[in-house]
């Protein structure tokens, strides 16, 4: 009598459980990677918006008067909100230095939370 060679039902069930666990882990890793990629893309765009707004002040295209102001920008097909805070700064040094304006720009998506900016830039300009 010749015995047929093959897998038992229990071996097949164990193999299916191992395959299901491995596929579940792959799907979870893939979705986390996609979510992180989207988040990093959003942060990069917010940083570019902040750098662009700051460059406008540093190039004297916008008046760097002390105070807080809000602006809207469009980048990458999205609307971004920015809060610009400008204050006078005088630095202590052995030589007398002129006062400068400290400019801080915080950026978030138009539909996002202003208390959680995704991009931030700080720079200085002469008054």
PDB file of N, CA and C in Angstrom:
ATOM      1  N   UNK A   1       0.828  -1.155   0.000  1.00  0.00           N
ATOM      2  CA  UNK A   1       0.000   0.000   0.000  1.00  0.00           C
ATOM      3  C   UNK A   1       0.888   1.238   0.000  1.00  0.00           C
ATOM      4  N   UNK A   2       0.666   2.121  -0.960  1.00  0.00           N
ATOM      5  CA  UNK A   2       1.482   3.310  -1.059  1.00  0.00           C
ATOM      6  C   UNK A   2       0.735   4.464  -0.409  1.00  0.00           C
ATOM      7  N   UNK A   3       1.406   5.241   0.435  1.00  0.00           N
ATOM      8  CA  UNK A   3       0.796   6.398   1.098  1.00  0.00           C
ATOM      9  C   UNK A   3       0.948   7.627   0.219  1.00  0.00           C
ATOM     10  N   UNK A   4      -0.091   8.395   0.138  1.00  0.00           N
ATOM     11  CA  UNK A   4      -0.001   9.629  -0.646  1.00  0.00           C
ATOM     12  C   UNK A   4       0.725  10.683   0.166  1.00  0.00           C
ATOM     13  N   UNK A   5       1.574  11.414  -0.513  1.00  0.00           N
ATOM     14  CA  UNK A   5       2.332  12.443   0.175  1.00  0.00           C
ATOM     15  C   UNK A   5       1.625  13.760  -0.052  1.00  0.00           C
ATOM     16  N   UNK A   6       1.503  14.536   0.985  1.00  0.00           N
ATOM     17  CA  UNK A   6       0.845  15.826   0.890  1.00  0.00           C
ATOM     18  C   UNK A   6       0.785  16.468   2.267  1.00  0.00           C
ATOM     19  N   UNK A   7       0.105  17.567   2.325  1.00  0.00           N
ATOM     20  CA  UNK A   7      -0.015  18.289   3.582  1.00  0.00           C
ATOM     21  C   UNK A   7      -1.281  17.857   4.296  1.00  0.00           C
ATOM     22  N   UNK A   8      -1.194  17.839   5.605  1.00  0.00           N
ATOM     23  CA  UNK A   8      -2.402  17.559   6.384  1.00  0.00           C
ATOM     24  C   UNK A   8      -3.205  18.847   6.502  1.00  0.00           C
ATOM     25  N   UNK A   9      -4.437  18.723   6.885  1.00  0.00           N
ATOM     26  CA  UNK A   9      -5.306  19.888   7.049  1.00  0.00           C
ATOM     27  C   UNK A   9      -4.728  20.834   8.116  1.00  0.00           C
ATOM     28  N   UNK A  10      -4.162  20.303   9.155  1.00  0.00           N
ATOM     29  CA  UNK A  10      -3.575  21.132  10.212  1.00  0.00           C
ATOM     30  C   UNK A  10      -2.378  21.925   9.683  1.00  0.00           C
ATOM     31  N   UNK A  11      -1.540  21.338   8.876  1.00  0.00           N
ATOM     32  CA  UNK A  11      -0.402  22.044   8.302  1.00  0.00           C
ATOM     33  C   UNK A  11      -0.859  23.182   7.381  1.00  0.00           C
ATOM     34  N   UNK A  12      -1.897  22.947   6.602  1.00  0.00           N
ATOM     35  CA  UNK A  12      -2.427  23.992   5.750  1.00  0.00           C
ATOM     36  C   UNK A  12      -2.997  25.143   6.567  1.00  0.00           C
ATOM     37  N   UNK A  13      -3.694  24.845   7.650  1.00  0.00           N
ATOM     38  CA  UNK A  13      -4.249  25.909   8.497  1.00  0.00           C
ATOM     39  C   UNK A  13      -3.150  26.737   9.146  1.00  0.00           C
ATOM     40  N   UNK A  14      -2.100  26.113   9.604  1.00  0.00           N
ATOM     41  CA  UNK A  14      -0.978  26.837  10.210  1.00  0.00           C
ATOM     42  C   UNK A  14      -0.315  27.734   9.165  1.00  0.00           C
ATOM     43  N   UNK A  15      -0.130  27.223   7.962  1.00  0.00           N
ATOM     44  CA  UNK A  15       0.484  28.020   6.894  1.00  0.00           C
ATOM     45  C   UNK A  15      -0.397  29.221   6.549  1.00  0.00           C
ATOM     46  N   UNK A  16      -1.708  29.047   6.521  1.00  0.00           N
ATOM     47  CA  UNK A  16      -2.620  30.158   6.243  1.00  0.00           C
ATOM     48  C   UNK A  16      -2.600  31.204   7.349  1.00  0.00           C
ATOM     49  N   UNK A  17      -2.492  30.779   8.596  1.00  0.00           N
ATOM     50  CA  UNK A  17      -2.412  31.728   9.709  1.00  0.00           C
ATOM     51  C   UNK A  17      -1.120  32.533   9.619  1.00  0.00           C
ATOM     52  N   UNK A  18      -0.023  31.869   9.331  1.00  0.00           N
ATOM     53  CA  UNK A  18       1.266  32.573   9.199  1.00  0.00           C
ATOM     54  C   UNK A  18       1.191  33.562   8.039  1.00  0.00           C
ATOM     55  N   UNK A  19       0.614  33.157   6.919  1.00  0.00           N
ATOM     56  CA  UNK A  19       0.474  34.040   5.766  1.00  0.00           C
ATOM     57  C   UNK A  19      -0.422  35.239   6.100  1.00  0.00           C
ATOM     58  N   UNK A  20      -1.506  35.020   6.804  1.00  0.00           N
ATOM     59  CA  UNK A  20      -2.414  36.108   7.175  1.00  0.00           C
ATOM     60  C   UNK A  20      -1.728  37.113   8.101  1.00  0.00           C
ATOM     61  N   UNK A  21      -0.962  36.641   9.045  1.00  0.00           N
ATOM     62  CA  UNK A  21      -0.241  37.540   9.955  1.00  0.00           C
ATOM     63  C   UNK A  21       0.804  38.349   9.187  1.00  0.00           C
ATOM     64  N   UNK A  22       1.533  37.689   8.293  1.00  0.00           N
ATOM     65  CA  UNK A  22       2.552  38.389   7.511  1.00  0.00           C
ATOM     66  C   UNK A  22       1.920  39.436   6.599  1.00  0.00           C
ATOM     67  N   UNK A  23       0.819  39.104   5.936  1.00  0.00           N
ATOM     68  CA  UNK A  23       0.143  40.071   5.073  1.00  0.00           C
ATOM     69  C   UNK A  23      -0.421  41.246   5.877  1.00  0.00           C
ATOM     70  N   UNK A  24      -0.952  40.962   7.048  1.00  0.00           N
ATOM     71  CA  UNK A  24      -1.452  42.045   7.913  1.00  0.00           C
ATOM     72  C   UNK A  24      -0.344  43.007   8.300  1.00  0.00           C
ATOM     73  N   UNK A  25       0.829  42.467   8.631  1.00  0.00           N
ATOM     74  CA  UNK A  25       1.965  43.319   8.990  1.00  0.00           C
ATOM     75  C   UNK A  25       2.428  44.137   7.789  1.00  0.00           C
ATOM     76  N   UNK A  26       2.437  43.550   6.607  1.00  0.00           N
ATOM     77  CA  UNK A  26       2.832  44.285   5.396  1.00  0.00           C
ATOM     78  C   UNK A  26       1.848  45.408   5.075  1.00  0.00           C
ATOM     79  N   UNK A  27       0.570  45.139   5.218  1.00  0.00           N
ATOM     80  CA  UNK A  27      -0.439  46.174   4.946  1.00  0.00           C
ATOM     81  C   UNK A  27      -0.302  47.313   5.944  1.00  0.00           C
ATOM     82  N   UNK A  28      -0.087  46.980   7.217  1.00  0.00           N
ATOM     83  CA  UNK A  28       0.073  48.029   8.236  1.00  0.00           C
ATOM     84  C   UNK A  28       1.321  48.868   7.956  1.00  0.00           C
ATOM     85  N   UNK A  29       2.421  48.229   7.623  1.00  0.00           N
ATOM     86  CA  UNK A  29       3.656  48.970   7.325  1.00  0.00           C
ATOM     87  C   UNK A  29       3.473  49.854   6.098  1.00  0.00           C
ATOM     88  N   UNK A  30       2.786  49.353   5.089  1.00  0.00           N
ATOM     89  CA  UNK A  30       2.551  50.150   3.886  1.00  0.00           C
ATOM     90  C   UNK A  30       1.684  51.363   4.153  1.00  0.00           C
ATOM     91  N   UNK A  31       0.637  51.201   4.953  1.00  0.00           N
ATOM     92  CA  UNK A  31      -0.231  52.345   5.252  1.00  0.00           C
ATOM     93  C   UNK A  31       0.487  53.375   6.119  1.00  0.00           C
ATOM     94  N   UNK A  32       1.309  52.941   7.059  1.00  0.00           N
ATOM     95  CA  UNK A  32       2.086  53.888   7.867  1.00  0.00           C
ATOM     96  C   UNK A  32       3.088  54.643   6.998  1.00  0.00           C
ATOM     97  N   UNK A  33       3.687  53.960   6.053  1.00  0.00           N
ATOM     98  CA  UNK A  33       4.634  54.617   5.146  1.00  0.00           C
ATOM     99  C   UNK A  33       3.924  55.673   4.305  1.00  0.00           C
ATOM    100  N   UNK A  34       2.747  55.344   3.793  1.00  0.00           N
ATOM    101  CA  UNK A  34       1.986  56.309   2.987  1.00  0.00           C
ATOM    102  C   UNK A  34       1.579  57.506   3.831  1.00  0.00           C
ATOM    103  N   UNK A  35       1.148  57.287   5.055  1.00  0.00           N
ATOM    104  CA  UNK A  35       0.754  58.379   5.951  1.00  0.00           C
ATOM    105  C   UNK A  35       1.953  59.268   6.277  1.00  0.00           C
ATOM    106  N   UNK A  36       3.096  58.662   6.559  1.00  0.00           N
ATOM    107  CA  UNK A  36       4.300  59.452   6.862  1.00  0.00           C
ATOM    108  C   UNK A  36       4.766  60.248   5.656  1.00  0.00           C
ATOM    109  N   UNK A  37       4.661  59.670   4.471  1.00  0.00           N
ATOM    110  CA  UNK A  37       5.052  60.376   3.254  1.00  0.00           C
ATOM    111  C   UNK A  37       4.173  61.601   3.042  1.00  0.00           C
ATOM    112  N   UNK A  38       2.862  61.451   3.220  1.00  0.00           N
ATOM    113  CA  UNK A  38       1.938  62.586   3.059  1.00  0.00           C
ATOM    114  C   UNK A  38       2.230  63.666   4.099  1.00  0.00           C
ATOM    115  N   UNK A  39       2.514  63.262   5.336  1.00  0.00           N
ATOM    116  CA  UNK A  39       2.814  64.227   6.397  1.00  0.00           C
ATOM    117  C   UNK A  39       4.102  64.993   6.091  1.00  0.00           C
ATOM    118  N   UNK A  40       5.127  64.290   5.639  1.00  0.00           N
ATOM    119  CA  UNK A  40       6.391  64.953   5.315  1.00  0.00           C
ATOM    120  C   UNK A  40       6.239  65.891   4.120  1.00  0.00           C
ATOM    121  N   UNK A  41       5.421  65.523   3.148  1.00  0.00           N
ATOM    122  CA  UNK A  41       5.164  66.400   2.010  1.00  0.00           C
ATOM    123  C   UNK A  41       4.463  67.673   2.482  1.00  0.00           C
ATOM    124  N   UNK A  42       3.498  67.520   3.378  1.00  0.00           N
ATOM    125  CA  UNK A  42       2.783  68.681   3.909  1.00  0.00           C
ATOM    126  C   UNK A  42       3.721  69.595   4.705  1.00  0.00           C
ATOM    127  N   UNK A  43       4.578  69.005   5.532  1.00  0.00           N
ATOM    128  CA  UNK A  43       5.540  69.811   6.308  1.00  0.00           C
ATOM    129  C   UNK A  43       6.531  70.527   5.401  1.00  0.00           C
ATOM    130  N   UNK A  44       6.976  69.860   4.350  1.00  0.00           N
ATOM    131  CA  UNK A  44       7.918  70.477   3.423  1.00  0.00           C
ATOM    132  C   UNK A  44       7.289  71.682   2.735  1.00  0.00           C
ATOM    133  N   UNK A  45       6.046  71.530   2.289  1.00  0.00           N
ATOM    134  CA  UNK A  45       5.366  72.654   1.644  1.00  0.00           C
ATOM    135  C   UNK A  45       5.156  73.804   2.626  1.00  0.00           C
ATOM    136  N   UNK A  46       4.798  73.493   3.868  1.00  0.00           N
ATOM    137  CA  UNK A  46       4.615  74.542   4.872  1.00  0.00           C
ATOM    138  C   UNK A  46       5.936  75.268   5.128  1.00  0.00           C
ATOM    139  N   UNK A  47       7.033  74.541   5.136  1.00  0.00           N
ATOM    140  CA  UNK A  47       8.339  75.161   5.345  1.00  0.00           C
ATOM    141  C   UNK A  47       8.695  76.073   4.175  1.00  0.00           C
ATOM    142  N   UNK A  48       8.355  75.654   2.955  1.00  0.00           N
ATOM    143  CA  UNK A  48       8.603  76.492   1.777  1.00  0.00           C
ATOM    144  C   UNK A  48       7.782  77.782   1.845  1.00  0.00           C
ATOM    145  N   UNK A  49       6.535  77.663   2.276  1.00  0.00           N
ATOM    146  CA  UNK A  49       5.692  78.858   2.409  1.00  0.00           C
ATOM    147  C   UNK A  49       6.314  79.805   3.427  1.00  0.00           C
ATOM    148  N   UNK A  50       6.748  79.270   4.573  1.00  0.00           N
ATOM    149  CA  UNK A  50       7.367  80.109   5.601  1.00  0.00           C
ATOM    150  C   UNK A  50       8.629  80.786   5.058  1.00  0.00           C
ATOM    151  N   UNK A  51       9.432  80.052   4.335  1.00  0.00           N
ATOM    152  CA  UNK A  51      10.657  80.630   3.760  1.00  0.00           C
ATOM    153  C   UNK A  51      10.323  81.716   2.735  1.00  0.00           C
ATOM    154  N   UNK A  52       9.284  81.505   1.932  1.00  0.00           N
ATOM    155  CA  UNK A  52       8.885  82.510   0.944  1.00  0.00           C
ATOM    156  C   UNK A  52       8.398  83.790   1.605  1.00  0.00           C
ATOM    157  N   UNK A  53       7.579  83.660   2.638  1.00  0.00           N
ATOM    158  CA  UNK A  53       7.067  84.837   3.344  1.00  0.00           C
ATOM    159  C   UNK A  53       8.223  85.590   3.996  1.00  0.00           C
ATOM    160  N   UNK A  54       9.120  84.864   4.655  1.00  0.00           N
ATOM    161  CA  UNK A  54      10.265  85.497   5.298  1.00  0.00           C
ATOM    162  C   UNK A  54      11.143  86.206   4.269  1.00  0.00           C
ATOM    163  N   UNK A  55      11.351  85.591   3.121  1.00  0.00           N
ATOM    164  CA  UNK A  55      12.172  86.210   2.069  1.00  0.00           C
ATOM    165  C   UNK A  55      11.553  87.525   1.598  1.00  0.00           C
ATOM    166  N   UNK A  56      10.225  87.606   1.533  1.00  0.00           N
ATOM    167  CA  UNK A  56       9.574  88.864   1.147  1.00  0.00           C
ATOM    168  C   UNK A  56       9.901  89.981   2.132  1.00  0.00           C
ATOM    169  N   UNK A  57       9.944  89.664   3.416  1.00  0.00           N
ATOM    170  CA  UNK A  57      10.289  90.682   4.424  1.00  0.00           C
ATOM    171  C   UNK A  57      11.776  91.019   4.376  1.00  0.00           C
ATOM    172  N   UNK A  58      12.614  90.005   4.249  1.00  0.00           N
ATOM    173  CA  UNK A  58      14.055  90.259   4.225  1.00  0.00           C
ATOM    174  C   UNK A  58      14.475  91.032   2.980  1.00  0.00           C
ATOM    175  N   UNK A  59      13.761  90.861   1.877  1.00  0.00           N
ATOM    176  CA  UNK A  59      14.071  91.590   0.643  1.00  0.00           C
ATOM    177  C   UNK A  59      13.390  92.952   0.611  1.00  0.00           C
ATOM    178  N   UNK A  60      12.718  93.292   1.679  1.00  0.00           N
ATOM    179  CA  UNK A  60      12.025  94.579   1.811  1.00  0.00           C
ATOM    180  C   UNK A  60      10.891  94.734   0.785  1.00  0.00           C
ATOM    181  N   UNK A  61      10.297  93.612   0.387  1.00  0.00           N
ATOM    182  CA  UNK A  61       9.121  93.665  -0.483  1.00  0.00           C
ATOM    183  C   UNK A  61       7.860  93.928   0.331  1.00  0.00           C
ATOM    184  N   UNK A  62       7.918  93.583   1.613  1.00  0.00           N
ATOM    185  CA  UNK A  62       6.829  93.877   2.545  1.00  0.00           C
ATOM    186  C   UNK A  62       7.414  94.688   3.695  1.00  0.00           C
ATOM    187  N   UNK A  63       6.655  95.647   4.240  1.00  0.00           N
ATOM    188  CA  UNK A  63       7.190  96.456   5.330  1.00  0.00           C
ATOM    189  C   UNK A  63       7.331  95.630   6.616  1.00  0.00           C
ATOM    190  N   UNK A  64       8.512  95.691   7.220  1.00  0.00           N
ATOM    191  CA  UNK A  64       8.785  94.927   8.436  1.00  0.00           C
ATOM    192  C   UNK A  64       8.512  95.785   9.667  1.00  0.00           C
ATOM    193  N   UNK A  65       7.278  96.244   9.793  1.00  0.00           N
ATOM    194  CA  UNK A  65       6.892  97.032  10.953  1.00  0.00           C
ATOM    195  C   UNK A  65       6.571  96.095  12.110  1.00  0.00           C
ATOM    196  N   UNK A  66       6.966  96.471  13.336  1.00  0.00           N
ATOM    197  CA  UNK A  66       6.694  95.598  14.477  1.00  0.00           C
ATOM    198  C   UNK A  66       5.195  95.320  14.627  1.00  0.00           C
ATOM    199  N   UNK A  67       4.898  94.109  15.058  1.00  0.00           N
ATOM    200  CA  UNK A  67       3.519  93.707  15.277  1.00  0.00           C
ATOM    201  C   UNK A  67       3.276  92.305  14.754  1.00  0.00           C
ATOM    202  N   UNK A  68       2.010  91.906  14.818  1.00  0.00           N
ATOM    203  CA  UNK A  68       1.601  90.586  14.354  1.00  0.00           C
ATOM    204  C   UNK A  68       0.632  90.755  13.194  1.00  0.00           C
ATOM    205  N   UNK A  69       0.836  89.992  12.153  1.00  0.00           N
ATOM    206  CA  UNK A  69      -0.078  90.037  11.019  1.00  0.00           C
ATOM    207  C   UNK A  69      -0.292  88.633  10.488  1.00  0.00           C
ATOM    208  N   UNK A  70      -1.394  88.466   9.794  1.00  0.00           N
ATOM    209  CA  UNK A  70      -1.748  87.178   9.195  1.00  0.00           C
ATOM    210  C   UNK A  70      -1.777  87.331   7.682  1.00  0.00           C
ATOM    211  N   UNK A  71      -1.424  86.261   6.991  1.00  0.00           N
ATOM    212  CA  UNK A  71      -1.446  86.271   5.538  1.00  0.00           C
ATOM    213  C   UNK A  71      -1.857  84.900   5.029  1.00  0.00           C
ATOM    214  N   UNK A  72      -2.318  84.857   3.805  1.00  0.00           N
ATOM    215  CA  UNK A  72      -2.665  83.600   3.135  1.00  0.00           C
ATOM    216  C   UNK A  72      -1.778  83.438   1.912  1.00  0.00           C
ATOM    217  N   UNK A  73      -1.359  82.236   1.671  1.00  0.00           N
ATOM    218  CA  UNK A  73      -0.518  81.920   0.526  1.00  0.00           C
ATOM    219  C   UNK A  73      -1.059  80.665  -0.140  1.00  0.00           C
ATOM    220  N   UNK A  74      -0.729  80.497  -1.409  1.00  0.00           N
ATOM    221  CA  UNK A  74      -1.089  79.282  -2.138  1.00  0.00           C
ATOM    222  C   UNK A  74       0.193  78.620  -2.619  1.00  0.00           C
ATOM    223  N   UNK A  75       0.328  77.336  -2.323  1.00  0.00           N
ATOM    224  CA  UNK A  75       1.484  76.574  -2.785  1.00  0.00           C
ATOM    225  C   UNK A  75       1.058  75.128  -2.959  1.00  0.00           C
ATOM    226  N   UNK A  76       1.418  74.556  -4.080  1.00  0.00           N
ATOM    227  CA  UNK A  76       1.101  73.151  -4.318  1.00  0.00           C
ATOM    228  C   UNK A  76      -0.390  72.886  -4.425  1.00  0.00           C
ATOM    229  N   UNK A  77      -1.140  73.883  -4.910  1.00  0.00           N
ATOM    230  CA  UNK A  77      -2.580  73.705  -5.035  1.00  0.00           C
ATOM    231  C   UNK A  77      -3.328  73.745  -3.722  1.00  0.00           C
ATOM    232  N   UNK A  78      -2.671  74.193  -2.666  1.00  0.00           N
ATOM    233  CA  UNK A  78      -3.295  74.271  -1.338  1.00  0.00           C
ATOM    234  C   UNK A  78      -3.204  75.682  -0.817  1.00  0.00           C
ATOM    235  N   UNK A  79      -4.141  76.013   0.040  1.00  0.00           N
ATOM    236  CA  UNK A  79      -4.134  77.300   0.731  1.00  0.00           C
ATOM    237  C   UNK A  79      -3.436  77.125   2.073  1.00  0.00           C
ATOM    238  N   UNK A  80      -2.584  78.081   2.387  1.00  0.00           N
ATOM    239  CA  UNK A  80      -1.832  78.070   3.638  1.00  0.00           C
ATOM    240  C   UNK A  80      -2.079  79.380   4.368  1.00  0.00           C
ATOM    241  N   UNK A  81      -2.125  79.327   5.677  1.00  0.00           N
ATOM    242  CA  UNK A  81      -2.240  80.509   6.516  1.00  0.00           C
ATOM    243  C   UNK A  81      -0.900  80.709   7.220  1.00  0.00           C
ATOM    244  N   UNK A  82      -0.538  81.970   7.415  1.00  0.00           N
ATOM    245  CA  UNK A  82       0.727  82.276   8.085  1.00  0.00           C
ATOM    246  C   UNK A  82       0.515  83.398   9.088  1.00  0.00           C
ATOM    247  N   UNK A  83       1.189  83.294  10.218  1.00  0.00           N
ATOM    248  CA  UNK A  83       1.213  84.363  11.215  1.00  0.00           C
ATOM    249  C   UNK A  83       2.642  84.879  11.266  1.00  0.00           C
ATOM    250  N   UNK A  84       2.783  86.171  11.077  1.00  0.00           N
ATOM    251  CA  UNK A  84       4.093  86.811  11.066  1.00  0.00           C
ATOM    252  C   UNK A  84       4.183  87.708  12.293  1.00  0.00           C
ATOM    253  N   UNK A  85       5.182  87.464  13.126  1.00  0.00           N
ATOM    254  CA  UNK A  85       5.424  88.283  14.316  1.00  0.00           C
ATOM    255  C   UNK A  85       6.754  89.003  14.127  1.00  0.00           C
ATOM    256  N   UNK A  86       6.704  90.327  14.206  1.00  0.00           N
ATOM    257  CA  UNK A  86       7.904  91.142  14.013  1.00  0.00           C
ATOM    258  C   UNK A  86       8.123  91.964  15.273  1.00  0.00           C
ATOM    259  N   UNK A  87       9.340  91.930  15.779  1.00  0.00           N
ATOM    260  CA  UNK A  87       9.675  92.709  16.978  1.00  0.00           C
ATOM    261  C   UNK A  87      11.071  93.300  16.832  1.00  0.00           C
ATOM    262  N   UNK A  88      11.289  94.411  17.487  1.00  0.00           N
ATOM    263  CA  UNK A  88      12.611  95.044  17.492  1.00  0.00           C
ATOM    264  C   UNK A  88      13.520  94.293  18.443  1.00  0.00           C
ATOM    265  N   UNK A  89      14.761  94.129  18.047  1.00  0.00           N
ATOM    266  CA  UNK A  89      15.757  93.483  18.887  1.00  0.00           C
ATOM    267  C   UNK A  89      17.002  94.337  18.934  1.00  0.00           C
ATOM    268  N   UNK A  90      17.521  94.507  20.115  1.00  0.00           N
ATOM    269  CA  UNK A  90      18.800  95.190  20.313  1.00  0.00           C
ATOM    270  C   UNK A  90      19.714  94.195  21.001  1.00  0.00           C
ATOM    271  N   UNK A  91      20.876  93.963  20.424  1.00  0.00           N
ATOM    272  CA  UNK A  91      21.793  92.974  20.969  1.00  0.00           C
ATOM    273  C   UNK A  91      22.886  93.664  21.769  1.00  0.00           C
ATOM    274  N   UNK A  92      23.267  93.022  22.859  1.00  0.00           N
ATOM    275  CA  UNK A  92      24.370  93.511  23.686  1.00  0.00           C
ATOM    276  C   UNK A  92      25.676  93.059  23.046  1.00  0.00           C
ATOM    277  N   UNK A  93      26.579  93.997  22.829  1.00  0.00           N
ATOM    278  CA  UNK A  93      27.869  93.672  22.227  1.00  0.00           C
ATOM    279  C   UNK A  93      28.875  94.738  22.639  1.00  0.00           C
ATOM    280  N   UNK A  94      30.171  94.416  22.585  1.00  0.00           N
ATOM    281  CA  UNK A  94      31.181  95.412  22.922  1.00  0.00           C
ATOM    282  C   UNK A  94      31.111  96.639  22.008  1.00  0.00           C
ATOM    283  N   UNK A  95      30.752  96.422  20.760  1.00  0.00           N
ATOM    284  CA  UNK A  95      30.568  97.531  19.829  1.00  0.00           C
ATOM    285  C   UNK A  95      29.077  97.809  19.705  1.00  0.00           C
ATOM    286  N   UNK A  96      28.754  99.054  19.443  1.00  0.00           N
ATOM    287  CA  UNK A  96      27.344  99.377  19.300  1.00  0.00           C
ATOM    288  C   UNK A  96      26.822  98.831  17.975  1.00  0.00           C
ATOM    289  N   UNK A  97      25.769  98.057  18.063  1.00  0.00           N
ATOM    290  CA  UNK A  97      25.158  97.470  16.872  1.00  0.00           C
ATOM    291  C   UNK A  97      23.804  98.123  16.634  1.00  0.00           C
ATOM    292  N   UNK A  98      23.404  98.245  15.376  1.00  0.00           N
ATOM    293  CA  UNK A  98      22.083  98.819  15.119  1.00  0.00           C
ATOM    294  C   UNK A  98      20.985  97.829  15.523  1.00  0.00           C
ATOM    295  N   UNK A  99      19.838  98.374  15.845  1.00  0.00           N
ATOM    296  CA  UNK A  99      18.690  97.520  16.156  1.00  0.00           C
ATOM    297  C   UNK A  99      18.280  96.767  14.899  1.00  0.00           C
ATOM    298  N   UNK A 100      17.766  95.575  15.082  1.00  0.00           N
ATOM    299  CA  UNK A 100      17.281  94.776  13.962  1.00  0.00           C
ATOM    300  C   UNK A 100      15.845  94.354  14.255  1.00  0.00           C
ATOM    301  N   UNK A 101      15.186  93.898  13.238  1.00  0.00           N
ATOM    302  CA  UNK A 101      13.830  93.369  13.388  1.00  0.00           C
ATOM    303  C   UNK A 101      13.900  91.845  13.312  1.00  0.00           C
ATOM    304  N   UNK A 102      13.389  91.205  14.342  1.00  0.00           N
ATOM    305  CA  UNK A 102      13.286  89.739  14.352  1.00  0.00           C
ATOM    306  C   UNK A 102      11.942  89.377  13.738  1.00  0.00           C
ATOM    307  N   UNK A 103      11.967  88.534  12.733  1.00  0.00           N
ATOM    308  CA  UNK A 103      10.755  88.147  12.008  1.00  0.00           C
ATOM    309  C   UNK A 103      10.567  86.643  12.168  1.00  0.00           C
ATOM    310  N   UNK A 104       9.441  86.261  12.755  1.00  0.00           N
ATOM    311  CA  UNK A 104       9.118  84.839  12.901  1.00  0.00           C
ATOM    312  C   UNK A 104       7.842  84.550  12.130  1.00  0.00           C
ATOM    313  N   UNK A 105       7.910  83.529  11.278  1.00  0.00           N
ATOM    314  CA  UNK A 105       6.772  83.137  10.445  1.00  0.00           C
ATOM    315  C   UNK A 105       6.360  81.727  10.834  1.00  0.00           C
ATOM    316  N   UNK A 106       5.068  81.549  11.110  1.00  0.00           N
ATOM    317  CA  UNK A 106       4.508  80.229  11.407  1.00  0.00           C
ATOM    318  C   UNK A 106       3.429  79.933  10.380  1.00  0.00           C
ATOM    319  N   UNK A 107       3.440  78.716   9.841  1.00  0.00           N
ATOM    320  CA  UNK A 107       2.539  78.362   8.740  1.00  0.00           C
ATOM    321  C   UNK A 107       1.781  77.079   9.071  1.00  0.00           C
ATOM    322  N   UNK A 108       0.507  77.044   8.684  1.00  0.00           N
ATOM    323  CA  UNK A 108      -0.339  75.871   8.849  1.00  0.00           C
ATOM    324  C   UNK A 108      -1.310  75.818   7.668  1.00  0.00           C
ATOM    325  N   UNK A 109      -1.890  74.641   7.383  1.00  0.00           N
ATOM    326  CA  UNK A 109      -2.878  74.557   6.305  1.00  0.00           C
ATOM    327  C   UNK A 109      -4.094  75.417   6.636  1.00  0.00           C
ATOM    328  N   UNK A 110      -4.770  75.931   5.604  1.00  0.00           N
ATOM    329  CA  UNK A 110      -5.918  76.808   5.822  1.00  0.00           C
ATOM    330  C   UNK A 110      -6.998  76.122   6.651  1.00  0.00           C
ATOM    331  N   UNK A 111      -7.116  74.811   6.533  1.00  0.00           N
ATOM    332  CA  UNK A 111      -8.124  74.090   7.311  1.00  0.00           C
ATOM    333  C   UNK A 111      -7.527  73.468   8.581  1.00  0.00           C
ATOM    334  N   UNK A 112      -6.308  73.874   8.932  1.00  0.00           N
ATOM    335  CA  UNK A 112      -5.610  73.292  10.073  1.00  0.00           C
ATOM    336  C   UNK A 112      -5.716  74.141  11.328  1.00  0.00           C
ATOM    337  N   UNK A 113      -4.956  73.753  12.319  1.00  0.00           N
ATOM    338  CA  UNK A 113      -4.956  74.389  13.630  1.00  0.00           C
ATOM    339  C   UNK A 113      -3.808  75.397  13.714  1.00  0.00           C
ATOM    340  N   UNK A 114      -4.112  76.687  13.935  1.00  0.00           N
ATOM    341  CA  UNK A 114      -3.035  77.688  14.027  1.00  0.00           C
ATOM    342  C   UNK A 114      -2.090  77.455  15.210  1.00  0.00           C
ATOM    343  N   UNK A 115      -2.545  76.723  16.216  1.00  0.00           N
ATOM    344  CA  UNK A 115      -1.685  76.452  17.370  1.00  0.00           C
ATOM    345  C   UNK A 115      -0.712  75.305  17.116  1.00  0.00           C
ATOM    346  N   UNK A 116      -0.833  74.654  15.957  1.00  0.00           N
ATOM    347  CA  UNK A 116       0.073  73.561  15.593  1.00  0.00           C
ATOM    348  C   UNK A 116       0.649  73.814  14.205  1.00  0.00           C
ATOM    349  N   UNK A 117       1.542  74.813  14.085  1.00  0.00           N
ATOM    350  CA  UNK A 117       2.095  75.118  12.762  1.00  0.00           C
ATOM    351  C   UNK A 117       2.966  73.975  12.247  1.00  0.00           C
ATOM    352  N   UNK A 118       2.928  73.791  10.938  1.00  0.00           N
ATOM    353  CA  UNK A 118       3.747  72.758  10.308  1.00  0.00           C
ATOM    354  C   UNK A 118       5.078  73.305   9.823  1.00  0.00           C
ATOM    355  N   UNK A 119       5.142  74.607   9.593  1.00  0.00           N
ATOM    356  CA  UNK A 119       6.378  75.226   9.141  1.00  0.00           C
ATOM    357  C   UNK A 119       6.691  76.450   9.969  1.00  0.00           C
ATOM    358  N   UNK A 120       7.981  76.692  10.186  1.00  0.00           N
ATOM    359  CA  UNK A 120       8.394  77.841  10.990  1.00  0.00           C
ATOM    360  C   UNK A 120       9.748  78.321  10.499  1.00  0.00           C
ATOM    361  N   UNK A 121       9.856  79.618  10.314  1.00  0.00           N
ATOM    362  CA  UNK A 121      11.121  80.238   9.904  1.00  0.00           C
ATOM    363  C   UNK A 121      11.335  81.494  10.737  1.00  0.00           C
ATOM    364  N   UNK A 122      12.579  81.764  11.068  1.00  0.00           N
ATOM    365  CA  UNK A 122      12.933  82.983  11.786  1.00  0.00           C
ATOM    366  C   UNK A 122      14.079  83.651  11.047  1.00  0.00           C
ATOM    367  N   UNK A 123      13.987  84.965  10.927  1.00  0.00           N
ATOM    368  CA  UNK A 123      15.045  85.724  10.265  1.00  0.00           C
ATOM    369  C   UNK A 123      15.138  87.114  10.836  1.00  0.00           C
ATOM    370  N   UNK A 124      16.067  87.884  10.327  1.00  0.00           N
ATOM    371  CA  UNK A 124      16.293  89.242  10.819  1.00  0.00           C
ATOM    372  C   UNK A 124      16.404  90.193   9.644  1.00  0.00           C
ATOM    373  N   UNK A 125      15.971  91.412   9.854  1.00  0.00           N
ATOM    374  CA  UNK A 125      16.057  92.444   8.826  1.00  0.00           C
ATOM    375  C   UNK A 125      16.369  93.764   9.499  1.00  0.00           C
ATOM    376  N   UNK A 126      17.027  94.638   8.774  1.00  0.00           N
ATOM    377  CA  UNK A 126      17.279  95.979   9.285  1.00  0.00           C
ATOM    378  C   UNK A 126      16.027  96.825   9.127  1.00  0.00           C
ATOM    379  N   UNK A 127      15.763  97.703  10.096  1.00  0.00           N
ATOM    380  CA  UNK A 127      14.554  98.541   9.988  1.00  0.00           C
ATOM    381  C   UNK A 127      14.643  99.553   8.856  1.00  0.00           C
TER     382      UNK A 127
END
